[in-house]
Protein backbone atom coordinates (compact mmCIF):
# COMPACT_ATOMS: atom_id res chain seq x y z
CA MET A 1 31.68 19.33 77.28
CA ALA A 2 32.04 17.06 80.01
CA GLY A 3 34.39 18.26 82.94
CA ILE A 4 33.63 21.52 82.29
CA LYS A 5 31.36 23.76 84.33
CA LYS A 6 30.02 26.19 82.14
CA SER A 7 30.63 28.86 84.83
CA ASN A 8 34.47 27.92 84.71
CA VAL A 9 34.36 28.05 80.84
CA THR A 10 37.58 29.75 79.85
CA MET A 11 38.55 31.52 76.36
CA THR A 12 40.84 29.12 75.81
CA ALA A 13 38.32 26.18 75.79
CA VAL A 14 36.36 28.40 73.30
CA ALA A 15 39.62 28.56 70.98
CA ARG A 16 40.18 25.34 71.00
CA ARG A 17 36.26 24.76 70.13
CA ALA A 18 36.18 26.79 67.27
CA GLY A 19 39.69 26.44 65.77
CA VAL A 20 40.93 29.55 66.05
CA SER A 21 43.40 31.32 68.44
CA GLN A 22 42.46 33.01 72.07
CA THR A 23 43.88 36.43 69.88
CA THR A 24 40.82 35.51 68.17
CA VAL A 25 38.36 34.99 70.27
CA SER A 26 39.60 37.95 72.35
CA ARG A 27 38.97 39.98 69.31
CA VAL A 28 35.87 38.87 68.60
CA LEU A 29 34.61 39.56 71.95
CA ASN A 30 36.22 43.40 71.61
CA HIS A 31 33.98 43.25 68.24
CA SER A 32 37.33 43.79 65.66
CA ALA A 33 36.65 45.00 62.22
CA ALA A 34 39.77 42.70 61.61
CA ILE A 35 37.29 39.11 61.80
CA ASN A 36 35.60 37.89 58.91
CA GLU A 37 32.06 36.94 60.03
CA GLU A 38 32.56 32.88 59.27
CA THR A 39 35.02 33.03 61.82
CA ARG A 40 33.24 35.06 63.96
CA LEU A 41 30.01 33.12 63.58
CA ALA A 42 31.83 30.31 64.25
CA VAL A 43 33.39 31.72 67.78
CA ARG A 44 30.00 32.87 68.91
CA ARG A 45 28.51 29.33 68.30
CA ALA A 46 31.32 27.94 70.80
CA MET A 47 30.80 29.86 72.35
CA GLU A 48 27.14 28.93 72.93
CA GLU A 49 27.66 24.72 73.02
CA LEU A 50 30.75 25.76 75.92
CA GLY A 51 28.04 28.05 77.69
CA TYR A 52 30.51 30.60 78.15
CA ARG A 53 28.83 32.93 80.32
CA GLU A 54 30.67 37.25 78.90
CA ARG A 55 30.62 39.33 82.44
CA GLU A 56 28.74 42.75 82.97
CA LYS A 57 31.24 45.25 80.78
CA GLU A 58 33.99 42.43 80.17
CA ARG A 59 33.16 42.40 76.88
CA GLU A 60 31.60 46.05 76.04
CA ARG A 61 35.39 47.62 76.50
CA LYS A 62 35.44 50.40 78.21
CA ASN A 63 36.89 53.47 76.96
CA ARG A 64 39.48 52.65 79.11
CA ILE A 65 43.79 52.16 78.55
CA ALA A 66 45.95 51.07 81.39
CA LEU A 67 49.27 52.14 81.57
CA LEU A 68 51.80 50.04 83.36
CA MET A 69 55.01 51.69 85.01
CA CYS A 70 58.20 49.11 84.80
CA PRO A 71 60.82 50.68 86.72
CA PHE A 72 63.93 49.88 87.69
CA ALA A 73 64.67 48.36 90.56
CA GLU A 74 66.16 51.34 92.23
CA GLN A 75 62.98 53.52 91.18
CA ARG A 76 60.69 53.00 94.10
CA ASP A 77 58.40 55.53 92.80
CA PRO A 78 58.97 56.76 88.85
CA LEU A 79 55.90 58.37 88.82
CA THR A 80 57.34 61.15 91.26
CA LEU A 81 60.06 61.99 88.54
CA ASP A 82 60.12 64.58 86.12
CA PHE A 83 60.34 62.41 82.69
CA PHE A 84 57.86 60.06 83.56
CA GLY A 85 56.00 62.62 84.62
CA GLU A 86 55.85 64.48 81.76
CA LEU A 87 55.35 61.38 79.67
CA LEU A 88 52.08 60.56 81.38
CA ALA A 89 51.17 63.76 80.85
CA GLY A 90 52.04 62.88 77.26
CA VAL A 91 49.46 60.10 76.82
CA GLN A 92 46.40 61.96 79.04
CA GLU A 93 47.11 64.75 76.34
CA ILE A 94 45.86 61.81 73.68
CA LEU A 95 42.97 60.18 75.58
CA ASP A 96 40.84 64.17 76.81
CA ARG A 97 41.39 64.03 73.13
CA GLU A 98 39.51 60.65 72.34
CA ARG A 99 37.88 60.74 75.12
CA PHE A 100 39.42 57.74 76.71
CA GLU A 101 40.02 56.85 80.68
CA LEU A 102 43.68 56.33 81.39
CA THR A 103 44.28 54.17 84.57
CA VAL A 104 47.95 53.38 85.97
CA ALA A 105 49.25 50.59 87.42
CA THR A 106 52.95 50.85 89.53
CA LEU A 107 54.19 46.98 89.15
CA PRO A 108 57.62 45.72 90.66
CA CYS A 109 60.66 45.60 88.41
CA GLY A 110 60.70 42.28 86.81
CA ALA A 111 57.82 42.22 87.16
CA ALA A 112 55.73 38.57 84.88
CA ALA A 113 51.85 39.62 84.77
CA PRO A 114 50.09 43.02 85.76
CA PRO A 115 48.70 43.21 89.60
CA ASP A 116 44.56 42.95 89.80
CA SER A 117 44.77 46.33 90.01
CA ALA A 118 45.25 47.04 86.67
CA ASP A 119 42.30 45.39 85.61
CA LEU A 120 43.70 44.69 82.31
CA GLU A 121 40.34 42.53 81.39
CA SER A 122 38.53 46.03 80.99
CA ALA A 123 41.26 47.92 78.95
CA ALA A 124 41.04 48.69 75.37
CA GLY A 125 44.58 48.45 74.97
CA VAL A 126 47.85 48.92 77.42
CA ILE A 127 51.32 50.92 77.28
CA VAL A 128 53.43 49.37 78.92
CA VAL A 129 56.37 52.13 80.04
CA ASN A 130 60.07 52.19 81.29
CA ASN A 131 61.97 48.32 81.26
CA PRO A 132 59.42 45.56 80.43
CA SER A 133 60.04 42.54 81.31
CA LEU A 134 59.42 39.64 78.28
CA GLN A 135 57.09 37.73 80.28
CA LEU A 136 54.88 40.64 81.32
CA VAL A 137 55.02 41.62 77.49
CA ARG A 138 54.05 38.04 76.68
CA TYR A 139 51.32 38.26 79.25
CA ILE A 140 49.44 41.19 77.81
CA ALA A 141 50.14 39.97 74.28
CA GLY A 142 48.38 36.14 74.95
CA ARG A 143 44.75 37.82 76.20
CA GLY A 144 44.96 39.63 72.66
CA LEU A 145 45.36 43.38 73.79
CA PRO A 146 46.62 45.87 72.08
CA LEU A 147 50.10 46.77 73.59
CA ILE A 148 53.03 49.06 73.09
CA ALA A 149 55.97 50.12 74.88
CA ALA A 150 57.04 53.15 75.92
CA ALA A 151 60.99 51.18 76.83
CA ALA A 152 64.07 53.23 78.34
CA ASP A 153 65.85 50.97 75.70
CA VAL A 154 65.42 48.93 72.66
CA VAL A 155 62.99 45.55 72.77
CA PRO A 156 64.07 43.30 71.20
CA GLU A 157 62.60 42.58 67.81
CA GLU A 158 61.53 39.43 68.39
CA TRP A 159 59.13 40.43 71.45
CA GLY A 160 57.11 42.00 68.12
CA ILE A 161 55.12 44.52 69.75
CA ASP A 162 55.06 48.13 68.55
CA MET A 163 57.32 50.72 70.19
CA VAL A 164 58.22 53.82 70.81
CA ILE A 165 61.45 54.72 71.93
CA ASN A 166 64.51 57.51 72.69
CA ASN A 167 66.73 57.11 69.88
CA ASN A 168 69.62 56.05 72.02
CA PHE A 169 72.02 54.75 69.75
CA GLN A 170 71.92 58.11 68.03
CA PHE A 171 72.11 59.43 71.34
CA GLY A 172 74.94 58.02 72.36
CA LYS A 173 77.42 58.51 68.77
CA GLN A 174 76.27 62.01 69.51
CA ALA A 175 77.68 62.75 72.75
CA CYS A 176 80.84 60.74 71.67
CA ARG A 177 81.25 63.43 68.60
CA TYR A 178 80.59 66.30 70.82
CA MET A 179 83.85 65.01 73.20
CA LEU A 180 84.98 64.36 70.23
CA GLU A 181 85.14 67.83 67.78
CA HIS A 182 86.60 69.34 72.12
CA GLY A 183 89.57 68.04 72.03
CA ILE A 184 88.73 64.93 74.13
CA ASP A 185 89.10 61.55 73.86
CA ARG A 186 90.17 60.82 77.09
CA PHE A 187 86.85 60.10 78.95
CA ALA A 188 84.72 58.25 81.11
CA LEU A 189 81.32 56.56 80.02
CA LEU A 190 79.29 56.70 83.38
CA MET A 191 75.80 55.05 81.95
CA PRO A 192 74.20 51.91 83.64
CA LYS A 193 74.29 48.84 81.48
CA ALA A 194 70.28 48.46 80.97
CA PHE A 195 71.54 51.87 78.39
CA GLU A 196 72.89 49.71 76.22
CA GLU A 197 72.38 50.64 72.81
CA ARG A 198 73.79 54.51 74.90
CA ILE A 199 76.88 52.62 75.43
CA LEU A 200 76.98 50.75 71.52
CA GLY A 201 76.14 54.25 69.96
CA VAL A 202 79.63 55.60 71.73
CA THR A 203 82.04 52.69 71.58
CA LEU A 204 80.71 52.37 67.56
CA GLU A 205 81.48 56.29 66.67
CA LEU A 206 84.90 56.07 68.82
CA ALA A 207 86.10 52.56 66.63
CA ARG A 208 85.16 54.85 63.85
CA HIS A 209 87.96 57.32 64.75
CA GLY A 210 90.15 54.80 65.89
CA LYS A 211 90.21 54.55 69.20
CA LEU A 212 88.70 52.67 72.17
CA LEU A 213 87.98 53.32 75.98
CA PRO A 214 89.74 51.39 78.04
CA PRO A 215 88.07 49.01 80.72
CA GLU A 216 88.59 51.46 83.74
CA TYR A 217 86.79 53.72 81.74
CA LEU A 218 83.72 51.80 81.11
CA PRO A 219 82.41 50.83 84.13
CA GLU A 220 79.55 48.46 84.63
CA LEU A 221 77.13 50.20 86.61
CA ASP A 222 73.80 49.05 87.60
CA SER A 223 71.48 51.58 88.51
CA THR A 224 70.40 55.03 88.12
CA ASP A 225 71.35 56.04 91.28
CA ILE A 226 73.15 58.88 91.94
CA SER A 227 75.53 57.16 94.40
CA VAL A 228 76.72 55.19 91.85
CA TYR A 229 78.11 57.37 89.88
CA ILE A 230 80.13 59.18 92.99
CA LYS A 231 81.26 55.92 93.56
CA THR A 232 82.87 55.60 90.20
CA LEU A 233 84.18 59.26 90.28
CA LEU A 234 85.50 58.90 94.02
CA GLY A 235 87.44 55.69 92.67
CA TYR A 236 89.37 57.57 89.83
CA LEU A 237 90.48 60.59 92.58
CA ALA A 238 91.61 58.00 94.70
CA ALA A 239 93.43 56.12 91.85
CA GLY A 240 94.79 59.38 90.48
CA ASN A 241 93.22 58.28 87.78
CA LEU A 242 90.38 61.29 86.36
CA PRO A 243 89.62 61.08 83.00
CA ARG A 244 89.77 64.06 80.96
CA GLY A 245 85.98 64.35 80.16
CA LEU A 246 82.71 62.33 82.07
CA ILE A 247 79.56 61.40 79.64
CA VAL A 248 77.01 61.10 82.56
CA GLN A 249 72.91 59.05 82.46
CA HIS A 250 71.28 61.87 83.38
CA TYR A 251 71.39 65.87 83.98
CA ASP A 252 70.97 64.93 88.46
CA ALA A 253 74.12 62.77 88.43
CA ALA A 254 76.39 65.56 86.56
CA LEU A 255 75.45 67.99 88.50
CA ALA A 256 76.08 66.23 91.88
CA LEU A 257 79.54 65.24 90.00
CA ALA A 258 80.15 68.38 89.19
CA SER A 259 80.41 69.59 92.89
CA ILE A 260 82.44 67.18 93.99
CA LEU A 261 85.20 68.02 91.51
CA GLU A 262 85.07 71.34 92.58
CA CYS A 263 85.93 70.60 96.43
CA HIS A 264 88.64 69.43 94.78
CA ARG A 265 89.75 72.34 92.89
CA LEU A 266 88.98 71.38 89.50
CA ARG A 267 87.29 73.05 86.74
CA ILE A 268 83.99 72.50 84.84
CA PRO A 269 84.66 72.23 82.03
CA GLU A 270 88.44 73.78 81.38
CA ASP A 271 89.53 70.79 84.04
CA VAL A 272 86.72 68.00 83.10
CA ALA A 273 84.21 68.11 80.25
CA ILE A 274 81.13 66.50 81.23
CA PHE A 275 78.34 65.80 78.68
CA THR A 276 74.70 64.54 79.98
CA PHE A 277 70.92 63.72 78.94
CA SER A 278 67.71 65.85 80.46
CA HIS A 279 64.35 66.36 79.17
CA ARG A 280 64.42 69.34 81.06
CA ALA A 281 65.73 73.09 78.49
CA GLY A 282 66.68 74.80 81.92
CA HIS A 283 69.23 72.44 82.20
CA ASP A 284 71.52 74.46 80.84
CA ARG A 285 74.82 73.99 82.88
CA PHE A 286 76.70 71.38 80.91
CA PRO A 287 76.27 70.20 77.20
CA MET A 288 73.10 67.72 76.87
CA LEU A 289 71.51 66.21 74.71
CA LEU A 290 67.77 67.03 75.18
CA GLN A 291 65.36 64.41 74.96
CA PHE A 292 61.45 64.67 74.29
CA PRO A 293 59.16 62.67 77.36
CA ARG A 294 55.99 64.10 76.28
CA GLU A 295 56.01 63.76 72.90
CA ILE A 296 57.02 59.96 73.41
CA GLY A 297 53.88 59.75 75.83
CA ARG A 298 52.06 61.47 72.99
CA LYS A 299 53.18 58.82 70.22
CA ALA A 300 52.69 55.80 72.52
CA ALA A 301 49.17 56.90 73.13
CA GLN A 302 49.12 57.32 69.75
CA GLY A 303 50.14 54.06 68.62
CA VAL A 304 48.00 52.41 71.06
CA PHE A 305 44.85 53.66 69.38
CA SER A 306 46.61 52.50 65.80
CA ALA A 307 47.01 49.33 67.09
CA ILE A 308 43.36 49.29 68.67
CA ARG A 309 41.71 50.48 64.77
CA TRP A 310 44.36 47.96 62.66
CA PRO A 311 44.71 45.07 64.96
CA GLU A 312 46.62 43.15 61.86
CA THR A 313 49.11 46.04 61.43
CA ALA A 314 52.84 44.78 61.61
CA PRO A 315 54.52 45.61 64.76
CA CYS A 316 56.78 49.25 64.16
CA SER A 317 58.90 51.02 66.31
CA TYR A 318 59.39 54.72 66.62
CA MET A 319 62.86 56.53 67.68
CA PHE A 320 62.67 60.18 68.90
CA PRO A 321 65.55 62.43 68.22
CA ALA A 322 67.25 65.11 70.62
CA ARG A 323 68.47 68.26 70.84
CA LEU A 324 71.95 69.71 71.25
CA VAL A 325 71.42 71.62 73.56
CA GLU A 326 74.95 74.15 74.50
CA PRO A 327 75.54 75.36 78.42
CA ALA A 328 74.31 78.98 79.79
CA LYS A 329 77.04 81.65 78.72
């Protein structure tokens, strides 16, 4: 082929010559059982004609899964957070059983591509965790790699990838029902806008009971940082507009808010009820929904192996429930 140096022939050029997609070329190189013999021979013939050279170890995929941590902006080192440590332990447990290695890379918030250190070329599959961008998903999918998202909220269906997530919509409904069942309908929902499914669950459950949250009790929080919750609560106190209850996104923030309320001689839950979310069974000061990040990690790892073995299966999602935990007496 004129104008193409043999050392620079790409998978795209091979796909064009063979009349197939780049994903099909990748699957041929990965020895996928889903590719029929005729297509396999066509791709191999195109590679030979173009002088496409397979780098050492590049085409024989290592027994390795890449996990890409996609944090929120305020999560400077997400691997130090207990939730992600538990999730990672669940992934590692399944990989150990399958005798696969795991490499982990943390990306900047909103990253459109992984760093070179992630070495996706030698990975059999990829797990993206927490808050992946659409550009990143397209980058990975465009390389024909099995991909699953263990995400903070629902990944849009049009992204066309497998996902393992908390059932945030139901979490919101459960939290709202708990408040209403305890006679509290004047509460504030302190939750970052990234958790839109959880927020939607609360507001729809309220609407089902003919109630609405006033705008001041549904603030648009832009971060999971505790300082954002504290600022919001101090605003309520300064305005003399303290709600009867608070639904707070995470346990550490709930603890901080409880301390401030107690400094103002307010009792928990008699004066202000707090409902929150956690992944630690020992977090039992407030009523909460207990989440299971280790199980999410296990399920995500199992999902990526399913995608490796059956690449033609349609994308699917698995949503984890939570368990209601009452405060210690």
